[in-house]
Protein backbone atom coordinates (compact mmCIF):
# COMPACT_ATOMS: atom_id res chain seq x y z
CA MET A 1 14.08 33.76 -4.46
CA ASN A 2 12.16 31.88 -6.93
CA SER A 3 8.17 31.28 -6.90
CA ASP A 4 6.95 28.01 -7.54
CA ARG A 5 6.13 28.69 -10.90
CA ASN A 6 8.96 30.41 -12.31
CA ILE A 7 11.18 27.12 -11.95
CA GLU A 8 11.75 26.47 -15.39
CA GLU A 9 10.35 23.60 -17.36
CA MET A 10 11.48 20.05 -17.64
CA ASP A 11 13.82 19.50 -20.60
CA HIS A 12 14.16 15.91 -22.03
CA SER A 13 17.53 15.12 -20.74
CA SER A 14 16.23 15.76 -16.66
CA PHE A 15 12.98 13.91 -17.20
CA ARG A 16 15.48 10.93 -18.52
CA ALA A 17 17.40 10.91 -15.42
CA ILE A 18 14.53 11.51 -13.01
CA ALA A 19 12.82 8.52 -15.26
CA GLU A 20 15.27 6.07 -15.01
CA LEU A 21 16.46 6.69 -11.30
CA ALA A 22 13.05 6.01 -10.55
CA TYR A 23 12.20 2.87 -11.95
CA SER A 24 15.69 1.05 -10.66
CA GLU A 25 14.76 2.91 -7.37
CA SER A 26 11.31 1.88 -7.11
CA GLY A 27 10.39 0.47 -10.36
CA LEU A 28 7.65 3.56 -11.10
CA GLN A 29 7.23 4.12 -14.59
CA LEU A 30 7.24 7.51 -15.86
CA VAL A 31 6.35 8.56 -19.48
CA ALA A 32 6.99 11.71 -21.18
CA GLU A 33 3.50 12.14 -22.25
CA LYS A 34 3.07 13.01 -17.51
CA THR A 35 5.43 15.07 -17.77
CA SER A 36 3.43 18.31 -16.71
CA MET A 37 2.23 16.39 -13.74
CA ILE A 38 5.81 14.97 -12.72
CA GLN A 39 7.01 18.96 -12.79
CA SER A 40 3.69 19.68 -10.77
CA ARG A 41 4.50 16.60 -8.07
CA LEU A 42 8.31 17.94 -7.96
CA ARG A 43 9.07 21.87 -7.77
CA ASN A 44 8.03 21.52 -4.16
CA ARG A 45 10.85 19.12 -3.78
CA VAL A 46 13.29 21.29 -6.17
CA ARG A 47 12.74 24.07 -4.06
CA ALA A 48 12.75 21.84 -0.77
CA VAL A 49 16.47 21.38 -1.43
CA GLY A 50 17.95 25.12 -2.29
CA LEU A 51 17.61 24.78 -6.00
CA ASN A 52 15.57 26.41 -8.64
CA THR A 53 15.57 24.12 -11.64
CA PHE A 54 14.96 20.71 -12.71
CA LYS A 55 18.27 19.90 -14.44
CA THR A 56 20.43 20.68 -10.83
CA TYR A 57 17.75 18.19 -9.21
CA ALA A 58 18.09 15.68 -11.33
CA GLU A 59 22.13 16.32 -11.42
CA PHE A 60 21.42 16.50 -7.66
CA VAL A 61 18.87 13.73 -6.79
CA CYS A 62 21.44 11.21 -9.16
CA SER A 63 24.32 12.27 -6.95
CA ASP A 64 25.56 9.91 -3.68
CA GLU A 65 25.13 13.37 -1.98
CA GLY A 66 21.36 13.09 -3.10
CA ILE A 67 20.60 9.85 -1.76
CA PRO A 68 18.78 10.78 0.94
CA GLU A 69 16.33 12.74 -1.53
CA ARG A 70 15.51 10.11 -3.19
CA LEU A 71 12.30 8.38 -0.84
CA HIS A 72 11.00 11.91 -1.22
CA MET A 73 10.78 12.36 -4.97
CA ILE A 74 9.51 9.15 -4.88
CA SER A 75 6.59 9.76 -2.09
CA ALA A 76 5.87 13.07 -3.96
CA LEU A 77 6.27 11.30 -7.37
CA THR A 78 3.69 8.78 -5.96
CA THR A 79 0.03 10.16 -4.81
CA ASN A 80 -0.90 8.65 -1.24
CA VAL A 81 -4.31 9.53 -1.85
CA SER A 82 -6.82 6.73 0.23
CA HIS A 83 -9.57 6.71 3.03
CA PHE A 84 -10.83 4.20 5.46
CA PHE A 85 -12.77 1.32 3.70
CA ARG A 86 -11.89 2.08 0.61
CA GLU A 87 -13.28 -0.89 -2.27
CA LYS A 88 -15.46 -2.13 1.14
CA HIS A 89 -16.40 -5.38 -0.35
CA HIS A 90 -13.02 -6.16 0.31
CA PHE A 91 -13.25 -5.99 4.13
CA ASP A 92 -17.04 -7.50 3.42
CA ILE A 93 -15.08 -10.98 1.89
CA LEU A 94 -12.73 -10.73 5.25
CA SER A 95 -14.84 -10.35 7.64
CA SER A 96 -18.02 -12.70 6.00
CA ALA A 97 -15.91 -15.15 4.75
CA ILE A 98 -12.01 -15.49 5.09
CA LEU A 99 -11.55 -15.28 9.31
CA PRO A 100 -14.88 -16.96 10.04
CA SER A 101 -13.05 -20.23 8.11
CA VAL A 102 -10.02 -19.46 10.53
CA ILE A 103 -11.25 -18.04 14.03
CA GLU A 104 -11.55 -21.16 15.73
CA ARG A 105 -7.61 -22.30 14.47
CA VAL A 106 -6.24 -18.70 15.76
CA ARG A 107 -7.88 -19.34 19.38
CA LYS A 108 -6.24 -22.31 19.86
CA GLY A 109 -2.92 -20.84 18.65
CA ASP A 110 -2.21 -20.47 15.28
CA PRO A 111 -1.30 -17.33 14.63
CA PHE A 112 -3.15 -15.01 11.56
CA ARG A 113 -0.96 -12.45 8.99
CA ILE A 114 -2.14 -10.30 6.77
CA TRP A 115 -0.25 -6.90 4.85
CA SER A 116 -1.26 -3.85 3.86
CA ALA A 117 2.05 -3.74 1.07
CA GLY A 118 1.85 0.09 0.22
CA CYS A 119 -0.02 1.27 3.35
CA SER A 120 0.18 5.08 2.53
CA ASN A 121 -1.09 6.96 5.37
CA GLY A 122 -2.48 3.70 7.35
CA GLN A 123 -5.96 4.29 6.48
CA GLU A 124 -6.02 0.35 5.17
CA ALA A 125 -4.03 -0.84 8.01
CA TYR A 126 -6.58 0.44 10.44
CA SER A 127 -9.55 -0.55 8.40
CA ILE A 128 -8.58 -4.31 8.48
CA ALA A 129 -7.78 -3.79 11.89
CA MET A 130 -11.38 -2.54 13.22
CA THR A 131 -12.67 -5.12 10.61
CA ALA A 132 -11.29 -7.77 12.57
CA LEU A 133 -12.28 -6.69 15.54
CA GLU A 134 -15.47 -5.62 15.14
CA ALA A 135 -16.45 -9.73 13.83
CA PHE A 136 -14.39 -10.86 16.62
CA PRO A 137 -13.50 -8.98 19.54
CA ASP A 138 -11.55 -11.58 20.96
CA ILE A 139 -9.35 -11.31 18.26
CA ALA A 140 -7.34 -8.80 20.26
CA SER A 141 -6.11 -11.16 22.58
CA LEU A 142 -4.92 -13.55 20.23
CA ASP A 143 -1.76 -14.08 17.42
CA PHE A 144 -3.59 -11.26 14.96
CA LYS A 145 -1.60 -8.65 13.17
CA VAL A 146 -1.54 -6.60 10.55
CA LEU A 147 1.79 -5.58 8.69
CA ALA A 148 1.53 -2.34 7.08
CA THR A 149 5.11 -1.42 5.02
CA ASP A 150 5.10 1.32 2.48
CA ILE A 151 8.63 3.01 0.82
CA ASP A 152 7.25 6.41 2.32
CA PRO A 153 9.61 7.09 6.06
CA GLU A 154 7.59 10.21 6.60
CA VAL A 155 3.57 7.82 5.92
CA VAL A 156 5.06 5.42 7.71
CA ARG A 157 5.42 7.83 10.74
CA PHE A 158 2.47 8.90 10.42
CA ALA A 159 0.44 6.15 9.99
CA SER A 160 2.34 4.84 13.14
CA LYS A 161 1.18 7.93 14.82
CA ALA A 162 -2.17 7.20 14.53
CA GLU A 163 -3.93 10.79 14.86
CA TYR A 164 -5.70 11.83 11.92
CA PRO A 165 -6.95 15.12 11.24
CA GLU A 166 -10.83 15.64 10.69
CA ARG A 167 -10.71 15.78 6.68
CA LEU A 168 -9.10 11.87 6.94
CA ILE A 169 -11.83 10.27 8.59
CA GLY A 170 -13.50 9.79 5.77
CA GLY A 171 -15.26 6.49 5.15
CA ILE A 172 -15.55 5.22 9.01
CA PRO A 173 -18.95 4.40 9.72
CA LYS A 174 -19.60 7.36 12.59
CA THR A 175 -20.29 3.64 15.35
CA LEU A 176 -16.85 2.39 14.55
CA LEU A 177 -15.49 6.47 14.87
CA GLN A 178 -16.38 6.46 18.30
CA LYS A 179 -15.55 3.26 19.15
CA HIS A 180 -12.23 3.11 17.92
CA PHE A 181 -10.91 6.45 18.09
CA VAL A 182 -10.56 9.34 20.55
CA HIS A 183 -11.48 12.87 19.47
CA GLN A 184 -8.84 15.23 20.18
CA GLU A 185 -8.28 19.17 19.44
CA GLN A 186 -4.85 20.11 18.91
CA LYS A 187 -3.94 24.11 17.97
CA GLY A 188 -7.43 24.62 16.84
CA GLU A 189 -7.65 22.06 14.62
CA ILE A 190 -9.82 18.62 15.31
CA PHE A 191 -7.54 15.17 15.37
CA PHE A 192 -8.94 11.41 15.85
CA ALA A 193 -6.60 9.49 17.65
CA ALA A 194 -6.69 5.55 17.16
CA THR A 195 -7.02 3.93 20.30
CA SER A 196 -4.25 1.27 21.87
CA LYS A 197 -6.18 -1.62 21.12
CA LEU A 198 -6.67 -0.81 17.92
CA LYS A 199 -2.90 0.40 17.57
CA SER A 200 -1.41 -2.65 18.54
CA GLN A 201 -2.98 -5.07 15.66
CA VAL A 202 -0.90 -3.13 13.62
CA VAL A 203 2.72 -3.17 12.57
CA PHE A 204 4.05 -0.31 10.75
CA LYS A 205 7.79 -0.86 8.80
CA GLU A 206 9.10 1.29 5.92
CA LEU A 207 10.07 -1.25 3.01
CA ASN A 208 10.51 -0.82 -0.60
CA LEU A 209 8.41 -3.47 -2.62
CA LEU A 210 11.03 -4.24 -5.04
CA GLY A 211 13.76 -4.70 -2.51
CA LYS A 212 14.49 -7.41 0.24
CA TRP A 213 11.72 -8.96 2.01
CA PRO A 214 12.33 -9.72 5.27
CA MET A 215 9.00 -11.54 6.38
CA LYS A 216 9.88 -15.03 7.08
CA LYS A 217 5.72 -16.08 7.32
CA ARG A 218 3.43 -16.86 5.12
CA MET A 219 0.71 -14.34 4.75
CA ASP A 220 -2.78 -15.11 5.18
CA VAL A 221 -3.96 -12.21 3.09
CA ILE A 222 -2.27 -9.55 1.06
CA PHE A 223 -3.71 -6.74 0.64
CA CYS A 224 -2.03 -4.62 -2.43
CA ARG A 225 -4.59 -2.64 -3.84
CA ASN A 226 -3.68 0.93 -6.23
CA VAL A 227 0.36 0.63 -5.87
CA VAL A 228 1.16 -1.53 -8.86
CA ILE A 229 -0.72 0.76 -11.03
CA TYR A 230 2.40 3.12 -11.34
CA PHE A 231 5.17 -0.51 -12.31
CA ASP A 232 5.89 -2.00 -15.95
CA GLY A 233 4.08 -5.65 -16.92
CA GLN A 234 7.64 -7.07 -16.13
CA THR A 235 7.63 -4.97 -12.40
CA GLN A 236 4.04 -6.53 -12.04
CA ASN A 237 4.86 -9.89 -12.83
CA GLN A 238 7.55 -10.22 -10.34
CA LEU A 239 5.54 -9.07 -7.66
CA TRP A 240 2.81 -11.24 -8.07
CA SER A 241 5.64 -14.57 -8.35
CA ARG A 242 6.61 -13.31 -4.91
CA PHE A 243 3.47 -12.57 -3.25
CA HIS A 244 2.36 -16.54 -4.18
CA SER A 245 5.52 -17.36 -2.64
CA LEU A 246 4.94 -15.73 0.19
CA LEU A 247 0.65 -16.11 0.48
CA ASP A 248 -0.68 -19.26 2.51
CA LYS A 249 -1.55 -22.10 0.30
CA ASN A 250 -5.20 -21.17 1.61
CA GLY A 251 -4.72 -17.36 1.52
CA LYS A 252 -6.00 -14.31 -0.83
CA LEU A 253 -4.55 -11.70 -2.72
CA PHE A 254 -6.58 -8.38 -2.91
CA LEU A 255 -5.78 -5.86 -5.68
CA GLY A 256 -7.01 -2.10 -6.59
CA HIS A 257 -10.72 -1.37 -8.63
CA SER A 258 -8.05 -0.77 -11.33
CA GLU A 259 -5.66 -3.43 -11.47
CA ARG A 260 -5.66 -6.76 -12.69
CA ILE A 261 -2.94 -9.71 -12.91
CA ALA A 262 -3.45 -10.42 -16.37
CA GLU A 263 -2.61 -13.83 -17.05
CA PRO A 264 -2.97 -15.30 -13.26
CA GLY A 265 -2.43 -19.41 -13.89
CA LEU A 266 1.19 -17.99 -14.97
CA SER A 267 2.12 -16.51 -11.54
CA GLY A 268 0.22 -19.38 -9.71
CA PHE A 269 -3.31 -17.35 -9.03
CA VAL A 270 -6.92 -17.79 -9.40
CA ASN A 271 -9.24 -15.13 -9.84
CA ASP A 272 -11.91 -15.34 -6.73
CA GLY A 273 -13.93 -12.41 -7.35
CA PRO A 274 -13.64 -8.36 -8.24
CA THR A 275 -10.14 -7.66 -8.08
CA SER A 276 -9.56 -10.86 -5.35
CA TYR A 277 -7.11 -13.71 -6.39
CA ARG A 278 -6.35 -16.93 -4.05
CA PRO A 279 -3.85 -19.35 -5.38
CA LYS A 280 -4.34 -21.97 -7.17
CA LEU A 281 -4.55 -25.47 -6.35
CA ILE A 282 -2.20 -28.39 -7.67
CA GLY A 283 -3.70 -29.62 -10.72
CA GLU A 284 -6.54 -26.83 -11.07
CA LYS A 285 -7.18 -25.46 -14.71
CA THR A 286 -9.28 -22.71 -15.74
CA LEU A 287 -11.01 -21.97 -18.19
CA ARG A 288 -11.90 -19.41 -19.88
CA GLY A 289 -14.41 -17.29 -18.33
CA GLY A 290 -12.95 -18.21 -15.07
CA ILE A 291 -14.26 -21.33 -14.30
CA SER A 292 -12.37 -23.48 -12.90
CA TYR A 293 -11.55 -27.35 -12.06
CA VAL A 294 -9.41 -29.90 -9.98
CA THR A 295 -7.78 -32.68 -12.30
């Protein structure tokens, strides 16, 4: 059997077939300049389905028989690298500004929903939940929930289980680790399992961002960080508009450190801090430099 290294180089037609499929399935944009990286990420998938060339893999994944493999392919092509409390300033905004402004109405029975879109292994969603619990411990008994979604069913299952090996707990302060996780050992490896209280704040679902969104109620906060960097401009613009339609008028959208809404006003947003956006008010105008005013 061939080793991973002996799998032949990807030819142009195979690259084109995989790139077109990745785009149609998930909006993922692959460029020819990244062919070597794409080959590296897909070699294990070629072997996993019992094939030994990228040509046969491209034919397989584009066929009806290969439909189940497509999610694995998308997962392999997108990195699921994350850590707890990544880009901490967003969690600081959540705890110091957003939650204090709404906690009284939530205590009176109003729902509060946060969406972690592209949640990967769940670190972002549980960071959100820990932030809320630390700011207002009674929020666990209120109508507060974090919806966490990802296109990859494997990472959704992993995140739902909420058992993290020691190498994946980076970013959690020691006090929070001791409070919200239980130290375990499995087959000689150390794990940290989220407490039932922390897990109960998060609901995980499989979701393709480019597909139908089942949510019926508006979101108060949307985290979509380090996800849209894989999409082209047209797909990003479509997502901004959909996020705006789903977001509460007083809501907030957080993006990753390398992501921006090129023309926020066209999608109904106003820049509101580092990679932070809010819906534009009726009659609000935005000047160059980010200064806004209401007519």
